[in-house]
Protein backbone atom coordinates (compact mmCIF):
# COMPACT_ATOMS: atom_id res chain seq x y z
CA MET A 1 -18.02 -10.01 -19.62
CA PRO A 2 -16.34 -10.19 -23.07
CA LEU A 3 -12.62 -9.44 -22.99
CA SER A 4 -12.98 -6.66 -25.55
CA ARG A 5 -15.52 -4.84 -23.36
CA LEU A 6 -13.44 -5.42 -20.23
CA PHE A 7 -10.38 -3.95 -21.96
CA LEU A 8 -12.34 -0.96 -23.30
CA ILE A 9 -13.82 -0.07 -19.90
CA THR A 10 -10.43 -0.45 -18.24
CA LEU A 11 -8.78 1.75 -20.85
CA VAL A 12 -11.43 4.47 -20.46
CA LEU A 13 -11.07 4.38 -16.67
CA CYS A 14 -7.29 4.69 -16.92
CA VAL A 15 -7.67 7.67 -19.26
CA LEU A 16 -10.06 9.30 -16.79
CA GLY A 17 -7.67 8.46 -13.96
CA GLY A 18 -4.77 9.87 -15.93
CA SER A 19 -6.72 13.10 -16.45
CA GLY A 20 -7.19 13.36 -12.69
CA GLY A 21 -3.49 12.65 -12.20
CA PHE A 22 -2.54 15.36 -14.69
CA LEU A 23 -4.73 17.93 -12.94
CA ALA A 24 -3.35 16.88 -9.55
CA SER A 25 0.22 17.22 -10.89
CA ARG A 26 -0.48 20.94 -11.30
CA THR A 27 -1.18 21.26 -7.56
CA PRO A 28 0.99 20.72 -4.43
CA LEU A 29 -0.72 17.35 -3.84
CA PRO A 30 1.81 14.61 -2.99
CA LEU A 31 1.95 11.62 -5.35
CA PRO A 32 -0.33 13.49 -7.79
CA TRP A 33 -0.58 10.80 -10.48
CA LEU A 34 -1.52 8.17 -7.92
CA LEU A 35 -3.87 10.23 -5.74
CA GLY A 36 -5.41 12.18 -8.62
CA SER A 37 -6.39 9.04 -10.50
CA LEU A 38 -7.59 7.42 -7.27
CA MET A 39 -9.87 10.33 -6.39
CA VAL A 40 -11.42 10.58 -9.85
CA CYS A 41 -12.19 6.85 -10.07
CA ALA A 42 -13.36 6.61 -6.45
CA ALA A 43 -15.80 9.48 -7.08
CA LEU A 44 -17.03 7.78 -10.24
CA SER A 45 -17.56 4.41 -8.53
CA ILE A 46 -19.38 5.95 -5.52
CA TRP A 47 -21.41 8.79 -7.00
CA SER A 48 -22.01 7.54 -10.54
CA PRO A 49 -22.30 3.76 -10.23
CA ARG A 50 -24.88 3.60 -13.03
CA GLN A 51 -22.21 4.66 -15.50
CA LEU A 52 -20.36 1.38 -14.85
CA ASP A 53 -21.19 -2.17 -15.83
CA THR A 54 -22.41 -3.92 -12.65
CA ASN A 55 -20.27 -6.96 -13.52
CA TYR A 56 -17.08 -4.95 -14.01
CA ARG A 57 -14.04 -5.56 -11.79
CA PHE A 58 -10.70 -3.92 -12.51
CA PRO A 59 -8.58 -6.77 -13.98
CA GLN A 60 -5.65 -7.62 -11.73
CA SER A 61 -3.84 -9.12 -14.72
CA PHE A 62 -3.75 -5.63 -16.26
CA ARG A 63 -2.42 -4.10 -13.01
CA LEU A 64 0.24 -6.77 -12.51
CA PRO A 65 2.97 -5.61 -14.96
CA PHE A 66 2.76 -2.02 -13.72
CA ILE A 67 3.24 -3.13 -10.12
CA ALA A 68 6.22 -5.17 -11.30
CA MET A 69 7.58 -2.05 -13.05
CA ILE A 70 7.66 -0.30 -9.67
CA GLY A 71 9.55 -3.30 -8.29
CA LEU A 72 12.12 -3.02 -11.09
CA LEU A 73 12.62 0.69 -10.36
CA ILE A 74 13.18 0.05 -6.63
CA GLY A 75 15.51 -2.87 -7.26
CA ALA A 76 17.63 -0.74 -9.60
CA GLN A 77 18.45 1.48 -6.63
CA VAL A 78 19.73 -1.33 -4.40
CA SER A 79 23.39 -0.96 -3.49
CA PRO A 80 25.83 -3.08 -1.46
CA GLU A 81 25.56 -0.50 1.34
CA LEU A 82 21.97 -1.62 2.04
CA LEU A 83 23.15 -5.01 3.33
CA SER A 84 26.52 -3.85 4.68
CA THR A 85 25.20 -3.14 8.19
CA PRO A 86 23.34 -6.28 9.36
CA SER A 87 23.27 -5.08 12.98
CA THR A 88 21.40 -1.94 11.95
CA LEU A 89 18.92 -3.96 9.91
CA ALA A 90 18.42 -6.31 12.87
CA LEU A 91 17.46 -3.35 15.07
CA SER A 92 14.99 -1.88 12.59
CA MET A 93 13.50 -5.32 11.82
CA GLY A 94 13.16 -5.94 15.56
CA ALA A 95 11.28 -2.65 15.87
CA ILE A 96 8.84 -3.91 13.19
CA ILE A 97 8.17 -6.96 15.39
CA VAL A 98 7.31 -4.57 18.22
CA PHE A 99 5.23 -2.29 15.97
CA VAL A 100 2.88 -4.95 14.55
CA PRO A 101 1.25 -6.18 17.82
CA LEU A 102 1.12 -2.63 19.23
CA ALA A 103 -0.68 -1.39 16.10
CA LEU A 104 -2.97 -4.42 15.99
CA GLY A 105 -4.00 -4.05 19.63
CA THR A 106 -4.54 -0.29 19.37
CA ASN A 107 -6.63 -0.64 16.22
CA TYR A 108 -8.73 -3.41 17.75
CA VAL A 109 -9.70 -1.14 20.66
CA ILE A 110 -10.52 1.71 18.23
CA PHE A 111 -12.78 -0.43 16.02
CA ARG A 112 -14.51 -2.07 19.00
CA ARG A 113 -15.03 1.05 21.11
CA PHE A 114 -15.58 3.77 18.51
CA GLY A 115 -16.85 1.70 15.61
CA GLY A 116 -18.93 -0.81 17.58
CA TYR A 117 -17.66 -3.59 15.33
CA ASP A 118 -18.05 -7.21 16.38
CA HIS A 119 -15.07 -9.20 17.67
CA ALA A 120 -13.89 -10.68 14.34
CA THR A 121 -14.56 -7.58 12.20
CA ALA A 122 -12.67 -5.33 14.63
CA PHE A 123 -9.70 -7.71 14.85
CA TYR A 124 -9.15 -8.27 11.14
CA SER A 125 -9.87 -4.61 10.32
CA ALA A 126 -7.10 -3.81 12.81
CA ALA A 127 -4.43 -5.76 10.91
CA PRO A 128 -1.62 -3.33 9.92
CA GLY A 129 -0.81 -5.25 6.75
CA GLY A 130 -1.57 -8.40 4.81
CA LEU A 131 -4.72 -7.01 3.20
CA LEU A 132 -5.71 -10.11 1.23
CA GLU A 133 -4.82 -12.46 4.10
CA ALA A 134 -6.75 -10.37 6.62
CA ILE A 135 -9.82 -10.32 4.37
CA THR A 136 -9.63 -14.08 3.73
CA MET A 137 -9.17 -14.99 7.40
CA GLY A 138 -11.77 -12.46 8.50
CA GLU A 139 -14.41 -13.84 6.17
CA ALA A 140 -13.72 -17.36 7.48
CA ALA A 141 -14.05 -16.08 11.06
CA GLY A 142 -17.47 -14.51 10.42
CA ALA A 143 -16.42 -10.87 10.06
CA ASP A 144 -18.61 -8.35 8.25
CA ILE A 145 -16.81 -8.53 4.93
CA ARG A 146 -18.03 -5.14 3.64
CA ARG A 147 -16.77 -3.27 6.70
CA LEU A 148 -13.55 -5.28 6.76
CA VAL A 149 -12.75 -4.57 3.10
CA THR A 150 -13.64 -0.89 3.54
CA GLN A 151 -11.35 -0.45 6.54
CA GLN A 152 -8.44 -2.29 4.98
CA PHE A 153 -8.55 -0.27 1.77
CA LEU A 154 -9.07 3.00 3.62
CA ARG A 155 -6.01 2.19 5.76
CA ILE A 156 -3.84 2.14 2.66
CA ILE A 157 -5.41 5.24 1.13
CA ALA A 158 -5.23 7.24 4.38
CA VAL A 159 -1.55 6.36 4.83
CA ILE A 160 -0.49 7.37 1.31
CA GLY A 161 -2.40 10.64 1.73
CA LEU A 162 -1.35 11.53 5.28
CA VAL A 163 2.33 10.51 5.33
CA PRO A 164 3.69 12.90 2.65
CA LEU A 165 1.47 15.69 4.01
CA GLY A 166 2.54 15.03 7.61
CA LEU A 167 6.23 14.96 6.69
CA SER A 168 5.85 18.22 4.79
CA LEU A 169 4.32 19.81 7.90
CA TRP A 170 7.09 18.30 10.04
CA GLU A 171 9.78 19.82 7.81
CA GLY A 172 7.92 23.08 7.36
CA HIS A 173 7.99 22.92 3.56
CA PRO A 174 6.71 20.64 0.78
CA LEU A 175 8.68 17.47 0.14
CA GLY A 176 9.14 15.14 -2.81
CA SER A 177 6.50 15.34 -5.52
CA ALA A 178 4.67 18.06 -3.57
CA ALA A 179 7.79 20.21 -4.02
CA GLY A 180 7.89 19.54 -7.75
CA MET A 181 10.34 16.63 -7.61
CA GLY A 182 9.64 13.71 -9.92
CA LEU A 183 10.11 10.03 -9.24
CA SER A 184 13.58 8.72 -9.92
CA GLY A 185 13.23 7.78 -13.54
CA SER A 186 16.12 7.63 -15.97
CA ALA A 187 16.79 9.75 -19.04
CA ALA A 188 18.85 6.95 -20.62
CA PRO A 189 17.47 5.05 -23.63
CA ILE A 190 15.31 2.07 -22.69
CA ASN A 191 16.59 -1.40 -23.53
CA TRP A 192 13.11 -2.84 -24.06
CA PRO A 193 14.13 -6.51 -24.59
CA VAL A 194 16.12 -6.55 -21.32
CA LEU A 195 13.39 -4.62 -19.48
CA LEU A 196 10.61 -6.95 -20.62
CA ALA A 197 12.71 -10.04 -19.89
CA ALA A 198 13.42 -8.77 -16.36
CA LEU A 199 9.73 -7.98 -15.92
CA ALA A 200 8.64 -11.48 -16.96
CA ALA A 201 11.36 -13.11 -14.83
CA GLY A 202 10.36 -11.03 -11.79
CA ILE A 203 6.68 -11.93 -12.06
CA ALA A 204 7.50 -15.61 -12.49
CA LEU A 205 9.97 -15.60 -9.58
CA GLY A 206 7.60 -13.81 -7.21
CA LYS A 207 4.78 -16.21 -7.98
CA LEU A 208 7.01 -19.30 -7.80
CA LEU A 209 8.47 -18.36 -4.40
CA ARG A 210 5.09 -17.12 -3.08
CA LEU A 211 6.71 -13.94 -1.79
CA PRO A 212 4.69 -11.33 0.14
CA ALA A 213 3.46 -8.74 -2.40
CA TRP A 214 4.94 -11.06 -5.04
CA GLN A 215 3.88 -8.84 -7.92
CA LEU A 216 6.42 -6.26 -6.71
CA THR A 217 9.04 -8.19 -4.75
CA GLY A 218 9.87 -10.74 -7.44
CA ALA A 219 10.72 -7.97 -9.91
CA LEU A 220 12.59 -6.13 -7.15
CA LEU A 221 14.82 -9.17 -6.57
CA VAL A 222 15.60 -9.54 -10.28
CA SER A 223 16.37 -5.84 -10.69
CA ALA A 224 18.45 -5.74 -7.47
CA THR A 225 20.51 -8.69 -8.70
CA LEU A 226 21.20 -6.88 -11.96
CA ALA A 227 22.13 -3.69 -10.08
CA LEU A 228 24.50 -5.50 -7.70
CA THR A 229 26.23 -7.19 -10.65
CA GLY A 230 26.81 -3.86 -12.39
CA HIS A 231 23.91 -3.95 -14.86
CA PRO A 232 21.20 -1.65 -13.41
CA LEU A 233 17.99 -1.24 -15.37
CA SER A 234 16.89 2.14 -16.72
CA LEU A 235 13.23 3.10 -16.41
CA PRO A 236 11.92 6.48 -17.62
CA GLY A 237 9.93 8.74 -15.34
CA TRP A 238 6.90 8.68 -17.65
CA LEU A 239 6.61 4.91 -17.26
CA VAL A 240 6.55 5.27 -13.47
CA SER A 241 3.80 7.90 -13.81
CA VAL A 242 1.75 5.50 -15.95
CA ALA A 243 2.23 2.82 -13.28
CA GLN A 244 0.93 5.28 -10.66
CA VAL A 245 -2.18 5.97 -12.75
CA VAL A 246 -2.96 2.25 -13.13
CA VAL A 247 -2.47 1.62 -9.39
CA GLY A 248 -4.55 4.69 -8.46
CA THR A 249 -7.33 3.75 -10.88
CA SER A 250 -7.52 0.19 -9.56
CA LEU A 251 -7.66 1.44 -5.95
CA GLY A 252 -10.39 3.93 -6.80
CA MET A 253 -12.53 1.23 -8.36
CA ARG A 254 -12.43 -0.76 -5.10
CA PHE A 255 -15.07 1.66 -3.77
CA ALA A 256 -17.71 0.40 -6.20
CA GLY A 257 -20.81 -0.79 -4.37
CA LEU A 258 -20.09 0.97 -1.06
CA SER A 259 -22.78 3.17 0.42
CA ARG A 260 -21.83 6.74 1.27
CA ALA A 261 -22.81 6.24 4.91
CA MET A 262 -20.54 3.21 5.28
CA LEU A 263 -17.72 5.02 3.51
CA LEU A 264 -17.95 8.11 5.72
CA ARG A 265 -18.08 6.05 8.89
CA GLY A 266 -15.15 3.95 7.75
CA LEU A 267 -13.19 7.07 6.79
CA TRP A 268 -13.24 8.71 10.21
CA LEU A 269 -12.44 5.41 11.90
CA SER A 270 -9.56 4.94 9.48
CA LEU A 271 -8.22 8.42 10.23
CA ILE A 272 -8.20 7.66 13.97
CA SER A 273 -6.60 4.26 13.39
CA VAL A 274 -3.92 5.47 10.96
CA SER A 275 -3.10 8.47 13.17
CA ALA A 276 -2.59 6.14 16.14
CA MET A 277 -0.34 3.82 14.10
CA LEU A 278 1.70 6.75 12.78
CA LEU A 279 2.22 7.99 16.35
CA ILE A 280 3.49 4.53 17.33
CA GLY A 281 5.73 4.51 14.25
CA ALA A 282 7.00 8.02 15.02
CA ALA A 283 7.90 7.01 18.59
CA LEU A 284 9.82 3.96 17.37
CA SER A 285 11.49 6.09 14.66
CA LEU A 286 12.78 8.52 17.27
CA LEU A 287 14.18 5.63 19.32
CA LEU A 288 16.00 4.27 16.25
CA LEU A 289 17.20 7.62 14.96
CA SER A 290 20.63 7.57 16.60
CA VAL A 291 21.45 3.89 15.99
CA THR A 292 20.39 3.24 12.37
CA GLY A 293 21.91 6.17 10.51
CA GLN A 294 18.60 6.68 8.69
CA SER A 295 16.68 9.96 8.73
CA PHE A 296 13.41 10.36 10.63
CA GLU A 297 11.52 10.61 7.33
CA VAL A 298 12.87 7.26 6.07
CA LEU A 299 12.13 5.53 9.39
CA LEU A 300 8.59 6.90 9.60
CA ILE A 301 7.81 5.74 6.05
CA THR A 302 9.26 2.37 7.04
CA PHE A 303 6.64 2.01 9.80
CA ALA A 304 3.73 3.66 7.95
CA PRO A 305 1.24 0.78 7.40
CA GLY A 306 0.28 1.27 3.78
CA GLY A 307 0.48 -1.35 1.07
CA VAL A 308 3.93 -2.36 -0.14
CA ASN A 309 3.25 -1.06 -3.65
CA GLU A 310 1.85 2.25 -2.44
CA MET A 311 4.55 2.85 0.21
CA ALA A 312 7.21 2.07 -2.38
CA LEU A 313 5.77 4.91 -4.48
CA VAL A 314 5.70 7.21 -1.44
CA ALA A 315 9.36 6.41 -0.72
CA LEU A 316 10.26 6.98 -4.37
CA SER A 317 8.41 10.30 -4.47
CA LEU A 318 10.27 11.51 -1.36
CA HIS A 319 13.61 10.01 -2.45
CA ALA A 320 13.63 8.18 0.88
CA ASN A 321 15.76 5.03 0.37
CA PRO A 322 12.99 2.99 -1.29
CA ALA A 323 14.89 -0.32 -1.12
CA PHE A 324 15.31 -0.01 2.67
CA VAL A 325 11.65 1.00 3.06
CA THR A 326 10.31 -1.82 0.85
CA LEU A 327 12.39 -4.46 2.65
CA HIS A 328 10.80 -3.48 5.96
CA HIS A 329 7.27 -3.34 4.57
CA VAL A 330 7.58 -6.86 3.19
CA PHE A 331 8.76 -7.93 6.67
CA ARG A 332 5.86 -6.05 8.33
CA ILE A 333 3.34 -7.93 6.20
CA THR A 334 5.06 -11.25 6.94
CA VAL A 335 4.98 -10.60 10.70
CA THR A 336 1.33 -9.50 10.53
CA VAL A 337 0.21 -12.62 8.64
CA ILE A 338 2.08 -14.87 11.09
CA LEU A 339 0.49 -13.09 14.06
CA LEU A 340 -3.00 -13.34 12.55
CA GLY A 341 -2.48 -17.06 12.02
CA LEU A 342 -1.29 -17.56 15.60
CA MET A 343 -4.34 -15.74 16.98
CA LYS A 344 -6.98 -17.67 15.04
CA ARG A 345 -7.96 -19.70 18.11
CA TRP A 346 -8.52 -16.55 20.15
CA LEU A 347 -10.82 -15.27 17.42
CA GLY A 348 -12.79 -18.51 17.56
CA ARG A 349 -13.92 -17.79 21.11
CA ARG A 350 -16.38 -15.01 20.35
CA ARG A 351 -18.08 -13.60 23.38
CA PRO A 352 -21.89 -13.78 23.56
CA ALA A 353 -22.07 -10.00 23.50
CA ASP A 354 -20.51 -10.01 20.05
CA ALA A 355 -23.34 -12.04 18.57
CA GLU A 356 -25.93 -9.76 20.15
CA ASN A 357 -24.25 -6.53 19.04
CA ASP A 358 -23.08 -7.73 15.64
CA PRO A 359 -23.52 -4.66 13.34
CA ARG A 360 -24.74 -6.94 10.54
CA LYS A 361 -27.84 -7.71 12.62
CA LEU A 362 -28.68 -4.14 13.52
């Protein structure tokens, strides 16, 4: 597809997504700019596929700087206090190591028993993180790639929809953006040369070091370094809203090509799976409540198995210590990828029943 056409389609989609975000911002919906743009573009890709070029894929190169912007915003909020209690961090990180296999095992049972998925599809759909790694390993192991991709994306979308809503119900009143609070942007003038230099340095650093969620974490490290040395970056709230629209639009376009039947089946399985993982996370949060000094809301968001980028936005919208939350989500993904790698051999021994009941052959 010509670059000019690719850019034009992407721009139109972002405008449509932004319109959905604007409408959602007039409602009590949490993360309105993200979820509003996601819902509009998901509806377009599912119910009006003929309106889109069949060869179109949302360009990740366009999404990249906006993800990095979110990283810069989180890094600007890092303070020495975050790393001043290593024993507390060790406890919460240890709880992540407990959470990952519990969530993986629970999800595997759900996708096998309720979804009827084959051995490999159920296992890699069950991964509570490492979306790209899970999809890559699952495809190599013979998983049904359409179902695997659907479940992994729905996991992220269900989490970013359910967590703010669930916390609002827990507190008995709307929280964060649902209560009319904006993301933590700055009203100070923007130093564009410094901002763009930090953005470029963050992207380069994340890619060079091959960090988990490198698009975000590289920029986070650069911004955190500036903040700790007394030179925090200033990002306006409107720029964060634009970043939400781009992320929401790109997520919505991931539904292109999915049948409604597969989507509906994947949705209810995802709701069961995410609810089970949130219950596990809530139990661990209650255990850590008295020893970490963090609130229940912060701890629950720390365990909620969404994508790093999306959970960073949730934490920002709820003003829930986004640096602490992001640090743990990067660790969760790292632990998940390591566990998936260690269990490759187990996945290689598919039982005969799997081949007979493989959904792809039904």
